[in-house]
Amino acid sequence: MLINLKSEEDIYMLDKEFRWFFITFGKEFLQNNIEAFETLMFLSLAHFFGLYNPKEFADYLNIPFQHLYGQLKEFSLYRLKKMLTRFMVRQAAEQLRPILEKSDATRSRAGISLSVDNSVIDRVGRMIRCTYNWYSGRWKKVVSGNDLLGIVMTVNGIALPLNLLFCSKQGRANTDKPSLLISMLKCLIEEFAAEGIDITSFPITLDSWFVSEDLKQELITLGFEKIVVAGKSNYVFKIKNKKQKVSGWKKEIVMISGQWGIDVPSCRVKAQSPTFGEVVLFFFEKSTTKIFYLIDFSASPMRGAEIWHIWKQHHLIEHFWKLLKSVFKIKSMQLQGDGLYAALLIKVISYLLAIRLKSRKAFSKYTLIQIIRKIRSEYDLKKFINEHFHQTNSTT
């Protein structure tokens, strides 16, 4: 389905949003190398035209692909990570400011939360940093891949990535994911503080992989007050006078339908844990009739409706992973070494550009796929590049 143009403003929407990226980040990241910065920007834009890696883009422009790869090597690993975080934080801050100025009810409806999860990015190459082998049920064989740890902010049903880090699936010390997560959160707290925003006031949700007493205490120390974690079935809890594994409690807990603010059968109970002490558990039943449960690690126990309202946003991080893989084809850009983050930066810029377009009234009712189809059918990439190349000269 293609989107029909409704006004002249729609025609120049892509130009306006692309200019926003140039003006906002041009001065900060040019490093006296205009071509390297523009290479990042135009490789990101090329995704809207079905060109997902430097080789495809170079072939389209009929230029040597080695030149593009050379430009990407101009940025150090530190600079790439810094650019990646700044792009994501600046975009999220712009979305948050108008919401935070409104009433508590409006902020609640916006569903602002932080979601933490990791995803495997399967790859073909072997000589790539952080690559490991694992058995893929999808491919029915052993394949190579990278584990990508991510923190995503949800705002009005949209997933905005805040911090992404490639890490090994197994290992000790510097590959310990909870420690890496705390380091990533500290970085984000500082970045958002520079924007005048305290992200510790937002609830945070985590996958069951991150359940631990140490992580709970570190999150509370950082200032997070609302913490919801998916639980594991082998944990033991004492409810009233009976003590057993959660797998047993799932068979005995009575679910109640139609509770205020909760659109699934659920049950909120207080429990005692040998590891976590006194906690609140929230059991809920999905349409598949499977029962799941959450652990409320908040400083003050929350109501069932509040726990559910917060957790409902967590699926958006899974949606973000799927978009990164299927729509923006992160697997197709296999840059070695530090190029791993150059590829990730390009994909994120492309995703954020699509999200900015979707936030405009003209595109708000359409999916990212439909927006990309519109741009692909109604814009000429070569003409667009000729109009914008070296545009940053006028803004420096």
Protein backbone atom coordinates (compact mmCIF):
# COMPACT_ATOMS: atom_id res chain seq x y z
CA MET A 1 0.00 0.00 0.00
CA LEU A 2 1.43 3.37 -1.01
CA ILE A 3 0.76 6.64 0.77
CA ASN A 4 -0.62 9.39 -1.42
CA LEU A 5 0.82 12.87 -1.08
CA LYS A 6 -1.65 15.34 0.42
CA SER A 7 0.29 18.61 0.42
CA GLU A 8 3.52 20.27 -0.58
CA GLU A 9 4.63 19.96 3.04
CA ASP A 10 4.54 16.16 2.73
CA ILE A 11 6.89 16.30 -0.24
CA TYR A 12 9.58 18.11 1.76
CA MET A 13 9.09 16.17 5.00
CA LEU A 14 12.11 13.92 4.42
CA ASP A 15 14.25 16.95 3.60
CA LYS A 16 13.24 18.65 6.86
CA GLU A 17 13.96 15.65 9.05
CA PHE A 18 17.26 14.93 7.32
CA ARG A 19 18.27 18.56 7.86
CA TRP A 20 17.43 18.14 11.57
CA PHE A 21 20.04 15.37 11.88
CA PHE A 22 22.65 17.40 10.03
CA ILE A 23 22.13 20.59 12.03
CA THR A 24 21.77 18.87 15.41
CA PHE A 25 24.81 16.64 15.17
CA GLY A 26 26.95 18.23 12.45
CA LYS A 27 28.89 20.61 14.69
CA GLU A 28 29.38 17.99 17.39
CA PHE A 29 30.71 15.12 15.25
CA LEU A 30 32.28 16.56 12.11
CA GLN A 31 35.85 16.29 13.52
CA ASN A 32 37.06 18.37 10.56
CA ASN A 33 36.05 15.48 8.30
CA ILE A 34 32.89 16.39 6.47
CA GLU A 35 32.99 13.40 4.14
CA ALA A 36 33.17 10.83 6.96
CA PHE A 37 30.16 12.37 8.71
CA GLU A 38 28.17 12.63 5.48
CA THR A 39 29.03 9.00 4.66
CA LEU A 40 27.33 7.92 7.89
CA MET A 41 24.28 10.06 7.17
CA PHE A 42 23.82 9.02 3.56
CA LEU A 43 24.37 5.33 4.28
CA SER A 44 21.55 5.67 6.81
CA LEU A 45 19.31 7.42 4.29
CA ALA A 46 20.07 4.75 1.67
CA HIS A 47 18.12 2.19 3.74
CA PHE A 48 14.91 3.88 2.62
CA PHE A 49 15.86 3.02 -0.96
CA GLY A 50 16.73 -0.65 -0.38
CA LEU A 51 20.50 -0.15 -0.06
CA TYR A 52 21.54 -1.79 3.22
CA ASN A 53 25.36 -1.75 3.15
CA PRO A 54 28.23 0.37 1.75
CA LYS A 55 28.82 -1.99 -1.20
CA GLU A 56 25.23 -1.68 -2.44
CA PHE A 57 25.30 2.09 -1.96
CA ALA A 58 28.61 2.44 -3.82
CA ASP A 59 27.35 0.33 -6.72
CA TYR A 60 24.24 2.51 -6.94
CA LEU A 61 26.36 5.67 -7.12
CA ASN A 62 28.90 3.97 -9.42
CA ILE A 63 31.83 4.79 -7.15
CA PRO A 64 34.55 2.53 -5.61
CA PHE A 65 33.15 0.89 -2.47
CA GLN A 66 36.63 1.02 -0.86
CA HIS A 67 36.20 4.79 -0.52
CA LEU A 68 33.10 4.40 1.65
CA TYR A 69 34.70 1.76 3.84
CA GLY A 70 37.73 4.02 4.24
CA GLN A 71 35.55 6.91 5.41
CA LEU A 72 33.89 4.73 8.05
CA LYS A 73 37.33 3.94 9.52
CA GLU A 74 37.92 7.63 10.20
CA PHE A 75 35.98 7.38 13.47
CA SER A 76 37.54 5.75 16.53
CA LEU A 77 35.63 3.16 18.56
CA TYR A 78 35.18 5.69 21.37
CA ARG A 79 33.82 8.27 18.94
CA LEU A 80 31.43 5.77 17.35
CA LYS A 81 30.01 4.74 20.74
CA LYS A 82 29.74 8.38 21.77
CA MET A 83 27.91 9.32 18.57
CA LEU A 84 25.58 6.34 18.92
CA THR A 85 24.59 7.29 22.47
CA ARG A 86 24.23 11.02 21.69
CA PHE A 87 22.02 10.34 18.66
CA MET A 88 19.72 8.15 20.73
CA VAL A 89 19.58 10.37 23.83
CA ARG A 90 19.01 13.58 21.86
CA GLN A 91 16.13 12.00 19.96
CA ALA A 92 14.51 10.66 23.16
CA ALA A 93 14.93 13.98 24.99
CA GLU A 94 13.11 15.82 22.22
CA GLN A 95 10.21 13.36 22.48
CA LEU A 96 10.09 13.56 26.29
CA ARG A 97 10.18 17.31 26.94
CA PRO A 98 6.64 18.19 25.76
CA ILE A 99 5.22 15.22 27.70
CA LEU A 100 7.03 15.99 30.96
CA GLU A 101 5.62 19.53 30.93
CA LYS A 102 2.06 18.17 31.12
CA SER A 103 -0.02 16.64 33.91
CA ASP A 104 0.72 13.36 35.71
CA ALA A 105 -2.26 11.76 33.95
CA THR A 106 -0.86 12.67 30.53
CA ARG A 107 2.56 11.33 31.49
CA SER A 108 0.96 8.08 32.66
CA ARG A 109 -0.96 7.67 29.39
CA ALA A 110 2.28 8.15 27.46
CA GLY A 111 3.56 4.90 28.99
CA ILE A 112 7.12 6.14 29.55
CA SER A 113 9.37 3.32 30.72
CA LEU A 114 12.83 1.82 30.26
CA SER A 115 13.06 -1.75 28.96
CA VAL A 116 16.19 -3.91 29.13
CA ASP A 117 16.76 -7.01 27.02
CA ASN A 118 19.35 -8.64 24.80
CA SER A 119 19.03 -10.13 21.33
CA VAL A 120 21.17 -12.35 19.16
CA ILE A 121 22.18 -10.85 15.83
CA ASP A 122 23.12 -13.80 13.60
CA ARG A 123 26.03 -13.17 11.26
CA VAL A 124 27.94 -15.02 8.58
CA GLY A 125 31.44 -13.68 9.24
CA ARG A 126 33.82 -15.31 11.72
CA MET A 127 36.49 -12.65 12.22
CA ILE A 128 34.18 -10.15 13.89
CA ARG A 129 34.51 -8.84 17.44
CA CYS A 130 32.17 -10.45 20.01
CA THR A 131 31.11 -13.20 17.60
CA TYR A 132 30.31 -16.61 19.08
CA ASN A 133 28.67 -19.82 17.88
CA TRP A 134 25.30 -21.12 19.06
CA TYR A 135 22.67 -23.54 17.90
CA SER A 136 19.86 -21.76 16.10
CA GLY A 137 16.45 -23.40 16.24
CA ARG A 138 15.44 -21.31 13.26
CA TRP A 139 18.29 -22.47 11.05
CA LYS A 140 18.58 -25.95 12.65
CA LYS A 141 22.36 -25.63 12.72
CA VAL A 142 25.25 -23.91 14.48
CA VAL A 143 25.68 -20.31 13.28
CA SER A 144 27.78 -17.31 14.27
CA GLY A 145 26.27 -14.30 16.01
CA ASN A 146 26.65 -11.27 18.27
CA ASP A 147 24.76 -10.65 21.50
CA LEU A 148 23.39 -7.11 21.56
CA LEU A 149 22.42 -5.74 24.99
CA GLY A 150 19.94 -2.90 24.74
CA ILE A 151 18.12 -0.29 26.82
CA VAL A 152 15.04 1.05 25.07
CA MET A 153 12.69 3.83 26.16
CA THR A 154 9.00 3.46 25.33
CA VAL A 155 7.01 6.66 24.72
CA ASN A 156 3.46 6.69 23.31
CA GLY A 157 3.85 3.16 21.97
CA ILE A 158 7.15 3.88 20.20
CA ALA A 159 10.47 2.22 21.07
CA LEU A 160 13.40 4.66 21.23
CA PRO A 161 16.79 2.93 21.71
CA LEU A 162 18.97 4.65 24.33
CA ASN A 163 22.05 2.50 24.68
CA LEU A 164 23.18 -0.55 22.70
CA LEU A 165 26.26 -2.63 23.45
CA PHE A 166 27.70 -5.72 21.78
CA CYS A 167 28.90 -8.26 24.33
CA SER A 168 29.91 -11.90 24.51
CA LYS A 169 27.22 -14.41 25.37
CA GLN A 170 29.44 -16.09 27.95
CA GLY A 171 32.42 -14.99 29.98
CA ARG A 172 33.55 -13.41 33.21
CA ALA A 173 34.25 -9.95 34.63
CA ASN A 174 34.11 -7.54 31.67
CA THR A 175 31.45 -9.65 29.93
CA ASP A 176 29.15 -9.83 32.98
CA LYS A 177 25.85 -8.45 31.65
CA PRO A 178 24.43 -7.06 34.93
CA SER A 179 27.66 -5.09 35.45
CA LEU A 180 27.57 -3.87 31.87
CA LEU A 181 23.94 -2.86 32.34
CA ILE A 182 24.74 -0.75 35.41
CA SER A 183 27.58 0.93 33.51
CA MET A 184 25.22 1.68 30.60
CA LEU A 185 22.57 3.10 32.95
CA LYS A 186 25.11 5.36 34.67
CA CYS A 187 26.12 6.72 31.28
CA LEU A 188 22.49 7.37 30.36
CA ILE A 189 21.73 9.08 33.67
CA GLU A 190 24.60 11.52 33.00
CA GLU A 191 23.60 12.11 29.37
CA PHE A 192 19.96 12.81 30.24
CA ALA A 193 20.98 15.00 33.19
CA ALA A 194 22.79 17.21 30.66
CA GLU A 195 19.43 17.49 28.88
CA GLY A 196 17.69 18.38 32.16
CA ILE A 197 15.86 15.03 32.48
CA ASP A 198 16.01 12.54 35.36
CA ILE A 199 15.42 9.08 33.88
CA THR A 200 15.47 7.38 37.30
CA SER A 201 11.95 8.71 37.76
CA PHE A 202 10.76 6.33 35.02
CA PRO A 203 9.94 2.66 35.71
CA ILE A 204 12.36 0.04 34.41
CA THR A 205 11.51 -3.49 33.21
CA LEU A 206 13.98 -6.34 32.78
CA ASP A 207 13.94 -9.83 31.34
CA SER A 208 14.28 -12.81 33.70
CA TRP A 209 17.97 -13.12 32.77
CA PHE A 210 18.70 -10.09 35.00
CA VAL A 211 16.97 -11.28 38.19
CA SER A 212 19.35 -11.00 41.17
CA GLU A 213 19.45 -9.36 44.58
CA ASP A 214 22.71 -7.54 43.75
CA LEU A 215 21.25 -5.99 40.59
CA LYS A 216 18.10 -5.00 42.48
CA GLN A 217 20.15 -3.14 45.11
CA GLU A 218 22.34 -1.45 42.49
CA LEU A 219 19.28 -0.20 40.59
CA ILE A 220 17.81 1.19 43.81
CA THR A 221 21.15 2.83 44.60
CA LEU A 222 21.10 4.52 41.18
CA GLY A 223 17.73 6.01 42.10
CA PHE A 224 15.23 3.78 40.29
CA GLU A 225 12.10 3.36 42.40
CA LYS A 226 9.84 1.28 40.12
CA ILE A 227 11.45 -1.99 39.02
CA VAL A 228 9.57 -4.88 37.40
CA VAL A 229 11.37 -8.10 36.45
CA ALA A 230 10.15 -11.22 34.68
CA GLY A 231 10.56 -14.20 37.00
CA LYS A 232 11.88 -17.71 36.45
CA SER A 233 9.82 -20.86 37.01
CA ASN A 234 12.43 -22.55 39.20
CA TYR A 235 12.40 -19.83 41.89
CA VAL A 236 11.00 -20.79 45.28
CA PHE A 237 8.50 -18.56 47.11
CA LYS A 238 6.54 -18.91 50.32
CA ILE A 239 2.93 -17.72 50.06
CA LYS A 240 1.03 -17.80 53.35
CA ASN A 241 2.27 -21.00 54.99
CA LYS A 242 3.23 -22.97 51.91
CA LYS A 243 6.63 -22.97 50.18
CA GLN A 244 7.24 -24.31 46.67
CA LYS A 245 8.61 -23.49 43.22
CA VAL A 246 6.76 -21.07 40.97
CA SER A 247 6.00 -23.94 38.60
CA GLY A 248 3.83 -25.33 41.39
CA TRP A 249 2.24 -22.00 42.26
CA LYS A 250 1.18 -21.50 38.64
CA LYS A 251 -1.08 -24.55 38.98
CA GLU A 252 -2.65 -23.34 42.23
CA ILE A 253 -2.96 -19.55 41.88
CA VAL A 254 -6.54 -18.51 41.05
CA MET A 255 -6.68 -15.91 38.28
CA ILE A 256 -9.30 -13.16 38.43
CA SER A 257 -10.69 -11.56 35.27
CA GLY A 258 -12.01 -8.02 34.85
CA GLN A 259 -9.88 -6.34 37.50
CA TRP A 260 -9.66 -2.57 37.17
CA GLY A 261 -6.89 -1.47 34.82
CA ILE A 262 -5.87 -5.05 33.94
CA ASP A 263 -7.05 -6.57 30.67
CA VAL A 264 -5.89 -10.15 31.36
CA PRO A 265 -6.76 -12.69 34.08
CA SER A 266 -4.29 -12.01 36.89
CA CYS A 267 -3.47 -12.28 40.58
CA ARG A 268 -1.27 -10.10 42.79
CA VAL A 269 0.11 -11.77 45.93
CA LYS A 270 2.71 -11.08 48.59
CA ALA A 271 5.40 -13.71 48.98
CA GLN A 272 8.60 -14.51 50.84
CA SER A 273 11.77 -15.43 48.96
CA PRO A 274 14.95 -16.94 50.47
CA THR A 275 16.90 -14.66 48.12
CA PHE A 276 14.86 -11.46 47.83
CA GLY A 277 12.97 -11.36 51.13
CA GLU A 278 9.42 -10.02 51.03
CA VAL A 279 8.26 -9.26 47.47
CA VAL A 280 5.09 -8.80 45.45
CA LEU A 281 4.40 -11.31 42.68
CA PHE A 282 2.07 -10.59 39.79
CA PHE A 283 0.75 -13.67 37.95
CA PHE A 284 -1.03 -13.17 34.65
CA GLU A 285 -2.49 -15.35 31.93
CA LYS A 286 -2.00 -14.65 28.24
CA SER A 287 -4.41 -15.54 25.43
CA THR A 288 -2.35 -18.70 24.91
CA THR A 289 -3.54 -19.79 28.40
CA LYS A 290 0.07 -19.87 29.54
CA ILE A 291 0.76 -18.32 32.93
CA PHE A 292 3.65 -15.93 33.52
CA TYR A 293 4.68 -13.94 36.54
CA LEU A 294 6.52 -10.74 37.41
CA ILE A 295 8.50 -9.74 40.48
CA ASP A 296 7.98 -6.24 41.82
CA PHE A 297 11.38 -5.00 43.03
CA SER A 298 10.16 -1.45 43.59
CA ALA A 299 11.11 0.55 46.67
CA SER A 300 7.40 0.69 47.55
CA PRO A 301 5.11 -2.19 46.39
CA MET A 302 2.89 -1.23 43.44
CA ARG A 303 -0.73 -2.09 42.74
CA GLY A 304 -1.50 -4.81 40.22
CA ALA A 305 -2.85 -2.33 37.66
CA GLU A 306 0.33 -0.25 37.89
CA ILE A 307 2.58 -3.30 37.46
CA TRP A 308 0.60 -4.42 34.41
CA HIS A 309 0.55 -0.91 32.87
CA ILE A 310 4.34 -0.76 33.13
CA TRP A 311 4.99 -4.30 31.85
CA LYS A 312 2.70 -3.89 28.84
CA GLN A 313 5.35 -1.63 27.30
CA HIS A 314 8.10 -4.24 27.56
CA HIS A 315 7.14 -6.03 24.33
CA LEU A 316 8.18 -2.93 22.37
CA ILE A 317 11.86 -3.77 22.84
CA GLU A 318 11.18 -7.10 21.10
CA HIS A 319 9.45 -5.15 18.34
CA PHE A 320 12.53 -2.94 18.03
CA TRP A 321 14.81 -6.00 17.66
CA LYS A 322 12.54 -7.37 14.91
CA LEU A 323 12.58 -4.06 13.01
CA LEU A 324 16.36 -3.86 13.28
CA LYS A 325 16.66 -7.34 11.79
CA SER A 326 13.85 -7.44 9.23
CA VAL A 327 13.26 -3.86 8.04
CA PHE A 328 16.75 -2.35 8.48
CA LYS A 329 18.58 -5.65 7.91
CA ILE A 330 21.36 -5.31 10.45
CA LYS A 331 22.77 -8.67 9.37
CA SER A 332 23.55 -7.34 5.88
CA MET A 333 26.24 -4.89 7.08
CA GLN A 334 29.13 -7.06 8.25
CA LEU A 335 31.94 -4.64 9.07
CA GLN A 336 34.86 -6.13 10.98
CA GLY A 337 36.42 -4.96 14.25
CA ASP A 338 35.34 -1.46 15.30
CA GLY A 339 33.16 -1.35 12.19
CA LEU A 340 30.63 -3.34 14.21
CA TYR A 341 29.58 -0.08 15.91
CA ALA A 342 29.76 1.92 12.69
CA ALA A 343 27.20 -0.48 11.21
CA LEU A 344 25.03 -0.26 14.33
CA LEU A 345 25.17 3.56 14.27
CA ILE A 346 24.06 3.63 10.63
CA LYS A 347 21.13 1.30 11.34
CA VAL A 348 20.05 3.32 14.40
CA ILE A 349 20.18 6.65 12.52
CA SER A 350 18.01 5.11 9.80
CA TYR A 351 15.54 3.80 12.40
CA LEU A 352 15.38 7.16 14.21
CA LEU A 353 14.83 9.00 10.93
CA ALA A 354 11.89 6.67 10.21
CA ILE A 355 10.51 7.25 13.72
CA ARG A 356 10.75 11.03 13.27
CA LEU A 357 8.78 10.77 10.05
CA LYS A 358 6.14 8.61 11.72
CA SER A 359 5.72 11.20 14.50
CA ARG A 360 4.52 13.75 11.90
CA LYS A 361 0.79 14.04 11.40
CA ALA A 362 0.96 13.16 7.71
CA PHE A 363 2.53 9.76 8.47
CA SER A 364 1.18 8.95 11.94
CA LYS A 365 -1.38 6.40 10.73
CA TYR A 366 1.09 4.37 8.70
CA THR A 367 3.65 1.72 9.57
CA LEU A 368 7.38 2.19 9.06
CA ILE A 369 7.21 -0.18 6.09
CA GLN A 370 4.55 1.96 4.40
CA ILE A 371 6.55 5.13 5.03
CA ILE A 372 9.65 3.54 3.51
CA ARG A 373 7.64 2.45 0.45
CA LYS A 374 6.38 6.01 -0.01
CA ILE A 375 9.87 7.46 0.08
CA ARG A 376 11.21 4.78 -2.23
CA SER A 377 8.50 5.45 -4.82
CA GLU A 378 8.36 9.25 -4.66
CA TYR A 379 11.96 10.38 -4.07
CA ASP A 380 15.08 10.14 -6.20
CA LEU A 381 18.08 9.26 -4.05
CA LYS A 382 20.73 10.68 -6.40
CA LYS A 383 18.88 13.98 -6.68
CA PHE A 384 18.48 14.13 -2.91
CA ILE A 385 22.21 13.53 -2.36
CA ASN A 386 23.17 16.19 -4.91
CA GLU A 387 20.97 18.71 -3.09
CA HIS A 388 22.28 17.95 0.40
CA PHE A 389 25.92 16.96 -0.07
CA HIS A 390 28.23 19.27 1.93
CA GLN A 391 25.15 20.99 3.34
CA THR A 392 26.86 21.11 6.74
CA ASN A 393 29.22 23.79 5.46
CA SER A 394 26.44 26.30 5.95
CA THR A 395 25.81 25.27 9.51
CA THR A 396 29.35 25.23 10.88
